[in-house]
Amino acid sequence: MTEEMKKKLAQNWSTIVCGVILVVFIILSFPIIRFDGNWIVLFSPTRPATIDRFDGWMLGSHVLETEHGEIKLRRFSEIRAINNRLARIDIREFEAGRASHNLVVYGMEMPPNISLTFTAAPVRISLLVLDYQEIIISGIPSRVWHFNLEPRRSDADIVIDILAPEYIVLADTTQIHFVPSLIGHQFMRGLSMYKKREIWMIDGRIAVRHPGKEEFIEYRSITFRPDWGEFIEGELFE
């Protein structure tokens, strides 16, 4: 084989290799993910470099059914995928009108613009980020940061990070005063809801005035009936 033939053969192999790489790149750039029976085709130019975690734009419109309502995603909505499953929808998509929803979580209507994170198996909503937007929690207006539907550090069904009003009155006229904190938002507290146990719990420094009493007592946490019901017990702040 002459040197010229060897050069042509090397060039041909280089062309074939480059062609194969290009085809693989194109195939990997159009991943297909699944959500509860929906097959979603994405365009993700970054996927070939990341494989298991990538952002992509939807090539079609979809309506995602969840236990809390519907999420509508228009063509070219951007989502994040992990291991070929839906992992996150950012608030930008709702603000831009590419996404919308009618989600109601435990009787609480969610505002139009939120971020959503999903669990792996089964794929369902695990976290909602409201960024301090106001919602109504059993008649009490509260600004909310997080709705955690899969709390890892608690056995509660849901943990809500709330920026509550300074005062709340429970059903038995117990008065709750959210003592300002020196760290972060002064009235930020964690509200935990337990469906089976039928209790709510608030963690964080709280001053409570019980019915018929003049002075407030400070607690580290308090437990009461759902929907701002009767006071049950509390851990004293010492």
C-alpha atoms as a PDB file:
ATOM      1  CA  MET A   1       0.000   0.000   0.000  1.00  0.00           C
ATOM      2  CA  THR A   2       1.441   3.322  -1.082  1.00  0.00           C
ATOM      3  CA  GLU A   3       1.783   6.321   1.217  1.00  0.00           C
ATOM      4  CA  GLU A   4      -0.926   8.148  -0.738  1.00  0.00           C
ATOM      5  CA  MET A   5      -3.359   5.244  -0.248  1.00  0.00           C
ATOM      6  CA  LYS A   6      -2.561   5.159   3.467  1.00  0.00           C
ATOM      7  CA  LYS A   7      -3.285   8.889   3.759  1.00  0.00           C
ATOM      8  CA  LYS A   8      -6.626   8.536   1.949  1.00  0.00           C
ATOM      9  CA  LEU A   9      -7.568   5.588   4.181  1.00  0.00           C
ATOM     10  CA  ALA A  10      -6.690   7.574   7.318  1.00  0.00           C
ATOM     11  CA  GLN A  11      -8.748  10.512   6.041  1.00  0.00           C
ATOM     12  CA  ASN A  12     -11.702   8.214   5.332  1.00  0.00           C
ATOM     13  CA  TRP A  13     -11.530   6.742   8.842  1.00  0.00           C
ATOM     14  CA  SER A  14     -11.318  10.219  10.346  1.00  0.00           C
ATOM     15  CA  THR A  15     -14.409  11.246   8.379  1.00  0.00           C
ATOM     16  CA  ILE A  16     -16.289   8.120   9.522  1.00  0.00           C
ATOM     17  CA  VAL A  17     -15.303   8.649  13.169  1.00  0.00           C
ATOM     18  CA  CYS A  18     -16.339  12.313  13.054  1.00  0.00           C
ATOM     19  CA  GLY A  19     -19.617  11.323  11.427  1.00  0.00           C
ATOM     20  CA  VAL A  20     -20.333   8.730  14.115  1.00  0.00           C
ATOM     21  CA  ILE A  21     -19.524  11.236  16.864  1.00  0.00           C
ATOM     22  CA  LEU A  22     -21.850  13.786  15.231  1.00  0.00           C
ATOM     23  CA  VAL A  23     -24.694  11.265  14.984  1.00  0.00           C
ATOM     24  CA  VAL A  24     -24.246  10.233  18.622  1.00  0.00           C
ATOM     25  CA  PHE A  25     -24.182  13.899  19.672  1.00  0.00           C
ATOM     26  CA  ILE A  26     -27.420  14.592  17.798  1.00  0.00           C
ATOM     27  CA  ILE A  27     -29.139  11.522  19.283  1.00  0.00           C
ATOM     28  CA  LEU A  28     -28.051  12.422  22.827  1.00  0.00           C
ATOM     29  CA  SER A  29     -29.199  16.022  22.308  1.00  0.00           C
ATOM     30  CA  PHE A  30     -32.839  14.870  21.917  1.00  0.00           C
ATOM     31  CA  PRO A  31     -33.494  12.825  25.068  1.00  0.00           C
ATOM     32  CA  ILE A  32     -36.903  11.387  25.902  1.00  0.00           C
ATOM     33  CA  ILE A  33     -38.115  11.451  29.494  1.00  0.00           C
ATOM     34  CA  ARG A  34     -41.286  10.034  31.014  1.00  0.00           C
ATOM     35  CA  PHE A  35     -43.761  11.497  33.490  1.00  0.00           C
ATOM     36  CA  ASP A  36     -46.714   9.343  34.572  1.00  0.00           C
ATOM     37  CA  GLY A  37     -47.320   7.908  31.107  1.00  0.00           C
ATOM     38  CA  ASN A  38     -46.282  11.058  29.221  1.00  0.00           C
ATOM     39  CA  TRP A  39     -43.322  10.752  26.882  1.00  0.00           C
ATOM     40  CA  ILE A  40     -41.608  14.125  26.663  1.00  0.00           C
ATOM     41  CA  VAL A  41     -39.062  14.857  23.925  1.00  0.00           C
ATOM     42  CA  LEU A  42     -36.472  17.503  24.772  1.00  0.00           C
ATOM     43  CA  PHE A  43     -33.741  19.397  22.998  1.00  0.00           C
ATOM     44  CA  SER A  44     -30.719  19.526  25.283  1.00  0.00           C
ATOM     45  CA  PRO A  45     -27.368  20.485  23.713  1.00  0.00           C
ATOM     46  CA  THR A  46     -25.646  20.097  27.102  1.00  0.00           C
ATOM     47  CA  ARG A  47     -26.874  16.537  27.674  1.00  0.00           C
ATOM     48  CA  PRO A  48     -24.018  14.742  25.806  1.00  0.00           C
ATOM     49  CA  ALA A  49     -21.574  16.231  28.310  1.00  0.00           C
ATOM     50  CA  THR A  50     -23.631  15.499  31.436  1.00  0.00           C
ATOM     51  CA  ILE A  51     -25.783  12.440  30.541  1.00  0.00           C
ATOM     52  CA  ASP A  52     -27.590  11.976  33.885  1.00  0.00           C
ATOM     53  CA  ARG A  53     -28.388  15.632  34.771  1.00  0.00           C
ATOM     54  CA  PHE A  54     -29.342  18.193  32.148  1.00  0.00           C
ATOM     55  CA  ASP A  55     -31.648  21.066  31.197  1.00  0.00           C
ATOM     56  CA  GLY A  56     -33.721  20.914  28.040  1.00  0.00           C
ATOM     57  CA  TRP A  57     -36.487  22.572  26.058  1.00  0.00           C
ATOM     58  CA  MET A  58     -39.685  20.637  25.360  1.00  0.00           C
ATOM     59  CA  LEU A  59     -40.524  20.056  21.693  1.00  0.00           C
ATOM     60  CA  GLY A  60     -44.239  19.673  22.385  1.00  0.00           C
ATOM     61  CA  SER A  61     -46.946  20.741  24.828  1.00  0.00           C
ATOM     62  CA  HIS A  62     -47.960  18.546  27.758  1.00  0.00           C
ATOM     63  CA  VAL A  63     -50.422  18.481  30.644  1.00  0.00           C
ATOM     64  CA  LEU A  64     -48.954  16.765  33.714  1.00  0.00           C
ATOM     65  CA  GLU A  65     -51.451  15.280  36.167  1.00  0.00           C
ATOM     66  CA  THR A  66     -50.344  15.343  39.814  1.00  0.00           C
ATOM     67  CA  GLU A  67     -52.105  14.551  43.080  1.00  0.00           C
ATOM     68  CA  HIS A  68     -52.376  18.300  43.703  1.00  0.00           C
ATOM     69  CA  GLY A  69     -53.674  19.372  40.281  1.00  0.00           C
ATOM     70  CA  GLU A  70     -52.520  19.948  36.712  1.00  0.00           C
ATOM     71  CA  ILE A  71     -49.336  21.499  35.365  1.00  0.00           C
ATOM     72  CA  LYS A  72     -49.520  22.729  31.780  1.00  0.00           C
ATOM     73  CA  LEU A  73     -46.262  23.079  29.849  1.00  0.00           C
ATOM     74  CA  ARG A  74     -46.194  24.764  26.453  1.00  0.00           C
ATOM     75  CA  ARG A  75     -43.759  24.081  23.632  1.00  0.00           C
ATOM     76  CA  PHE A  76     -40.190  25.212  24.412  1.00  0.00           C
ATOM     77  CA  SER A  77     -40.744  25.165  28.175  1.00  0.00           C
ATOM     78  CA  GLU A  78     -37.412  24.525  29.886  1.00  0.00           C
ATOM     79  CA  ILE A  79     -37.183  21.780  32.486  1.00  0.00           C
ATOM     80  CA  ARG A  80     -34.437  19.977  34.377  1.00  0.00           C
ATOM     81  CA  ALA A  81     -34.101  16.207  34.140  1.00  0.00           C
ATOM     82  CA  ILE A  82     -32.141  13.722  36.235  1.00  0.00           C
ATOM     83  CA  ASN A  83     -31.687  10.143  35.029  1.00  0.00           C
ATOM     84  CA  ASN A  84     -34.263  10.748  32.286  1.00  0.00           C
ATOM     85  CA  ARG A  85     -37.016  11.813  34.678  1.00  0.00           C
ATOM     86  CA  LEU A  86     -38.566  15.202  35.328  1.00  0.00           C
ATOM     87  CA  ALA A  87     -36.725  16.799  38.258  1.00  0.00           C
ATOM     88  CA  ARG A  88     -37.504  20.537  38.300  1.00  0.00           C
ATOM     89  CA  ILE A  89     -39.555  23.323  36.722  1.00  0.00           C
ATOM     90  CA  ASP A  90     -38.220  26.788  37.477  1.00  0.00           C
ATOM     91  CA  ILE A  91     -40.347  29.820  38.342  1.00  0.00           C
ATOM     92  CA  ARG A  92     -39.099  31.504  35.136  1.00  0.00           C
ATOM     93  CA  GLU A  93     -41.329  29.255  33.047  1.00  0.00           C
ATOM     94  CA  PHE A  94     -44.463  30.351  34.927  1.00  0.00           C
ATOM     95  CA  GLU A  95     -43.457  34.021  34.891  1.00  0.00           C
ATOM     96  CA  ALA A  96     -42.905  33.848  31.113  1.00  0.00           C
ATOM     97  CA  GLY A  97     -46.283  32.193  30.501  1.00  0.00           C
ATOM     98  CA  ARG A  98     -44.794  28.997  29.119  1.00  0.00           C
ATOM     99  CA  ALA A  99     -46.117  27.050  32.126  1.00  0.00           C
ATOM    100  CA  SER A 100     -49.241  27.298  34.284  1.00  0.00           C
ATOM    101  CA  HIS A 101     -50.927  25.247  37.004  1.00  0.00           C
ATOM    102  CA  ASN A 102     -53.978  24.912  39.249  1.00  0.00           C
ATOM    103  CA  LEU A 103     -52.216  23.279  42.200  1.00  0.00           C
ATOM    104  CA  VAL A 104     -53.942  23.082  45.583  1.00  0.00           C
ATOM    105  CA  VAL A 105     -51.820  21.541  48.362  1.00  0.00           C
ATOM    106  CA  TYR A 106     -53.696  20.347  51.457  1.00  0.00           C
ATOM    107  CA  GLY A 107     -56.476  22.820  50.706  1.00  0.00           C
ATOM    108  CA  MET A 108     -54.076  25.727  50.106  1.00  0.00           C
ATOM    109  CA  GLU A 109     -54.188  27.317  46.663  1.00  0.00           C
ATOM    110  CA  MET A 110     -50.734  27.947  45.258  1.00  0.00           C
ATOM    111  CA  PRO A 111     -49.853  31.287  43.598  1.00  0.00           C
ATOM    112  CA  PRO A 112     -49.306  31.283  39.809  1.00  0.00           C
ATOM    113  CA  ASN A 113     -45.511  31.680  39.866  1.00  0.00           C
ATOM    114  CA  ILE A 114     -43.625  28.978  41.764  1.00  0.00           C
ATOM    115  CA  SER A 115     -40.711  26.565  41.384  1.00  0.00           C
ATOM    116  CA  LEU A 116     -41.347  22.818  41.554  1.00  0.00           C
ATOM    117  CA  THR A 117     -39.049  19.921  42.410  1.00  0.00           C
ATOM    118  CA  PHE A 118     -40.002  16.267  41.880  1.00  0.00           C
ATOM    119  CA  THR A 119     -39.045  12.970  43.539  1.00  0.00           C
ATOM    120  CA  ALA A 120     -37.713   9.991  41.581  1.00  0.00           C
ATOM    121  CA  ALA A 121     -39.911   6.968  42.305  1.00  0.00           C
ATOM    122  CA  PRO A 122     -42.719   7.614  41.972  1.00  0.00           C
ATOM    123  CA  VAL A 123     -42.304  10.926  40.188  1.00  0.00           C
ATOM    124  CA  ARG A 124     -44.335  13.436  42.199  1.00  0.00           C
ATOM    125  CA  ILE A 125     -44.015  16.939  43.608  1.00  0.00           C
ATOM    126  CA  SER A 126     -41.655  17.023  46.595  1.00  0.00           C
ATOM    127  CA  LEU A 127     -40.907  20.729  47.031  1.00  0.00           C
ATOM    128  CA  LEU A 128     -42.607  23.992  46.102  1.00  0.00           C
ATOM    129  CA  VAL A 129     -40.731  27.281  46.394  1.00  0.00           C
ATOM    130  CA  LEU A 130     -42.989  30.335  46.729  1.00  0.00           C
ATOM    131  CA  ASP A 131     -40.296  32.921  47.496  1.00  0.00           C
ATOM    132  CA  TYR A 132     -42.316  34.618  50.271  1.00  0.00           C
ATOM    133  CA  GLN A 133     -45.532  35.007  48.313  1.00  0.00           C
ATOM    134  CA  GLU A 134     -48.655  35.245  50.449  1.00  0.00           C
ATOM    135  CA  ILE A 135     -51.185  32.440  50.664  1.00  0.00           C
ATOM    136  CA  ILE A 136     -54.053  31.644  53.024  1.00  0.00           C
ATOM    137  CA  ILE A 137     -53.354  28.877  55.559  1.00  0.00           C
ATOM    138  CA  SER A 138     -56.702  27.993  57.145  1.00  0.00           C
ATOM    139  CA  GLY A 139     -57.845  31.600  57.120  1.00  0.00           C
ATOM    140  CA  ILE A 140     -54.501  33.122  58.178  1.00  0.00           C
ATOM    141  CA  PRO A 141     -52.578  35.090  55.509  1.00  0.00           C
ATOM    142  CA  SER A 142     -48.932  34.006  55.600  1.00  0.00           C
ATOM    143  CA  ARG A 143     -45.946  34.541  53.366  1.00  0.00           C
ATOM    144  CA  VAL A 144     -44.302  31.232  52.506  1.00  0.00           C
ATOM    145  CA  TRP A 145     -40.806  30.279  51.404  1.00  0.00           C
ATOM    146  CA  HIS A 146     -40.906  26.447  51.094  1.00  0.00           C
ATOM    147  CA  PHE A 147     -43.568  23.748  50.946  1.00  0.00           C
ATOM    148  CA  ASN A 148     -41.695  20.520  51.651  1.00  0.00           C
ATOM    149  CA  LEU A 149     -43.874  17.517  50.829  1.00  0.00           C
ATOM    150  CA  GLU A 150     -41.040  15.026  51.376  1.00  0.00           C
ATOM    151  CA  PRO A 151     -39.314  16.305  54.558  1.00  0.00           C
ATOM    152  CA  ARG A 152     -36.212  14.205  55.272  1.00  0.00           C
ATOM    153  CA  ARG A 153     -35.652  15.436  58.819  1.00  0.00           C
ATOM    154  CA  SER A 154     -39.248  15.038  59.973  1.00  0.00           C
ATOM    155  CA  ASP A 155     -42.014  12.447  59.937  1.00  0.00           C
ATOM    156  CA  ALA A 156     -44.564  15.168  59.188  1.00  0.00           C
ATOM    157  CA  ASP A 157     -46.598  14.987  55.997  1.00  0.00           C
ATOM    158  CA  ILE A 158     -45.654  18.542  55.093  1.00  0.00           C
ATOM    159  CA  VAL A 159     -43.315  21.186  56.498  1.00  0.00           C
ATOM    160  CA  ILE A 160     -43.937  24.809  55.553  1.00  0.00           C
ATOM    161  CA  ASP A 161     -41.444  27.621  56.113  1.00  0.00           C
ATOM    162  CA  ILE A 162     -43.726  30.549  56.893  1.00  0.00           C
ATOM    163  CA  LEU A 163     -43.260  34.231  57.548  1.00  0.00           C
ATOM    164  CA  ALA A 164     -46.342  34.380  59.741  1.00  0.00           C
ATOM    165  CA  PRO A 165     -48.174  37.398  61.161  1.00  0.00           C
ATOM    166  CA  GLU A 166     -46.781  38.615  64.463  1.00  0.00           C
ATOM    167  CA  TYR A 167     -49.828  37.297  66.319  1.00  0.00           C
ATOM    168  CA  ILE A 168     -52.180  34.340  65.755  1.00  0.00           C
ATOM    169  CA  VAL A 169     -55.171  33.397  67.940  1.00  0.00           C
ATOM    170  CA  LEU A 170     -56.015  29.684  68.157  1.00  0.00           C
ATOM    171  CA  ALA A 171     -59.544  28.276  68.329  1.00  0.00           C
ATOM    172  CA  ASP A 172     -59.466  28.155  72.153  1.00  0.00           C
ATOM    173  CA  THR A 173     -58.377  31.850  72.282  1.00  0.00           C
ATOM    174  CA  THR A 174     -54.745  30.932  73.001  1.00  0.00           C
ATOM    175  CA  GLN A 175     -52.627  33.801  71.682  1.00  0.00           C
ATOM    176  CA  ILE A 176     -49.400  33.038  69.806  1.00  0.00           C
ATOM    177  CA  HIS A 177     -46.735  35.710  69.469  1.00  0.00           C
ATOM    178  CA  PHE A 178     -43.839  35.020  67.099  1.00  0.00           C
ATOM    179  CA  VAL A 179     -40.799  36.303  68.974  1.00  0.00           C
ATOM    180  CA  PRO A 180     -38.399  38.097  66.591  1.00  0.00           C
ATOM    181  CA  SER A 181     -35.241  36.179  65.750  1.00  0.00           C
ATOM    182  CA  LEU A 182     -31.758  37.665  65.392  1.00  0.00           C
ATOM    183  CA  ILE A 183     -31.037  35.333  62.483  1.00  0.00           C
ATOM    184  CA  GLY A 184     -32.671  35.681  59.083  1.00  0.00           C
ATOM    185  CA  HIS A 185     -36.306  36.712  58.845  1.00  0.00           C
ATOM    186  CA  GLN A 186     -37.566  37.728  62.249  1.00  0.00           C
ATOM    187  CA  PHE A 187     -40.861  35.837  62.132  1.00  0.00           C
ATOM    188  CA  MET A 188     -39.800  32.822  59.997  1.00  0.00           C
ATOM    189  CA  ARG A 189     -40.985  29.531  61.512  1.00  0.00           C
ATOM    190  CA  GLY A 190     -41.438  25.918  60.485  1.00  0.00           C
ATOM    191  CA  LEU A 191     -45.065  24.740  60.448  1.00  0.00           C
ATOM    192  CA  SER A 192     -45.345  20.921  60.408  1.00  0.00           C
ATOM    193  CA  MET A 193     -48.613  19.178  59.557  1.00  0.00           C
ATOM    194  CA  TYR A 194     -49.356  15.574  60.582  1.00  0.00           C
ATOM    195  CA  LYS A 195     -52.452  14.194  58.881  1.00  0.00           C
ATOM    196  CA  LYS A 196     -52.820  10.849  60.686  1.00  0.00           C
ATOM    197  CA  ARG A 197     -51.995  12.266  64.119  1.00  0.00           C
ATOM    198  CA  GLU A 198     -54.263  15.246  63.425  1.00  0.00           C
ATOM    199  CA  ILE A 199     -51.867  17.796  64.848  1.00  0.00           C
ATOM    200  CA  TRP A 200     -49.893  20.830  63.701  1.00  0.00           C
ATOM    201  CA  MET A 201     -46.581  21.871  65.214  1.00  0.00           C
ATOM    202  CA  ILE A 202     -44.578  25.104  65.061  1.00  0.00           C
ATOM    203  CA  ASP A 203     -40.834  25.051  65.728  1.00  0.00           C
ATOM    204  CA  GLY A 204     -38.973  28.152  66.867  1.00  0.00           C
ATOM    205  CA  ARG A 205     -39.161  30.605  69.723  1.00  0.00           C
ATOM    206  CA  ILE A 206     -42.813  31.399  70.425  1.00  0.00           C
ATOM    207  CA  ALA A 207     -44.546  33.341  73.205  1.00  0.00           C
ATOM    208  CA  VAL A 208     -47.959  31.968  74.192  1.00  0.00           C
ATOM    209  CA  ARG A 209     -50.666  33.489  76.356  1.00  0.00           C
ATOM    210  CA  HIS A 210     -53.113  30.848  77.502  1.00  0.00           C
ATOM    211  CA  PRO A 211     -56.822  31.593  78.057  1.00  0.00           C
ATOM    212  CA  GLY A 212     -57.413  33.425  81.340  1.00  0.00           C
ATOM    213  CA  LYS A 213     -53.713  34.237  81.828  1.00  0.00           C
ATOM    214  CA  GLU A 214     -52.132  37.683  81.773  1.00  0.00           C
ATOM    215  CA  GLU A 215     -48.526  36.791  81.002  1.00  0.00           C
ATOM    216  CA  PHE A 216     -46.949  35.114  77.995  1.00  0.00           C
ATOM    217  CA  ILE A 217     -44.944  31.893  78.337  1.00  0.00           C
ATOM    218  CA  GLU A 218     -42.096  31.242  75.885  1.00  0.00           C
ATOM    219  CA  TYR A 219     -41.781  27.858  74.136  1.00  0.00           C
ATOM    220  CA  ARG A 220     -39.274  26.277  71.779  1.00  0.00           C
ATOM    221  CA  SER A 221     -42.113  24.533  69.947  1.00  0.00           C
ATOM    222  CA  ILE A 222     -45.849  24.122  70.354  1.00  0.00           C
ATOM    223  CA  THR A 223     -48.380  21.508  69.247  1.00  0.00           C
ATOM    224  CA  PHE A 224     -52.040  22.212  68.514  1.00  0.00           C
ATOM    225  CA  ARG A 225     -55.020  20.884  66.571  1.00  0.00           C
ATOM    226  CA  PRO A 226     -55.132  21.364  62.785  1.00  0.00           C
ATOM    227  CA  ASP A 227     -56.411  24.581  61.250  1.00  0.00           C
ATOM    228  CA  TRP A 228     -55.151  26.673  64.168  1.00  0.00           C
ATOM    229  CA  GLY A 229     -57.183  24.562  66.584  1.00  0.00           C
ATOM    230  CA  GLU A 230     -56.860  24.113  70.336  1.00  0.00           C
ATOM    231  CA  PHE A 231     -53.464  24.251  72.057  1.00  0.00           C
ATOM    232  CA  ILE A 232     -52.176  20.797  73.126  1.00  0.00           C
ATOM    233  CA  GLU A 233     -48.671  21.179  74.549  1.00  0.00           C
ATOM    234  CA  GLY A 234     -45.340  22.914  74.193  1.00  0.00           C
ATOM    235  CA  GLU A 235     -41.648  22.610  74.955  1.00  0.00           C
ATOM    236  CA  LEU A 236     -40.659  25.425  77.297  1.00  0.00           C
ATOM    237  CA  PHE A 237     -37.932  27.840  76.254  1.00  0.00           C
ATOM    238  CA  GLU A 238     -35.213  27.763  78.906  1.00  0.00           C
END
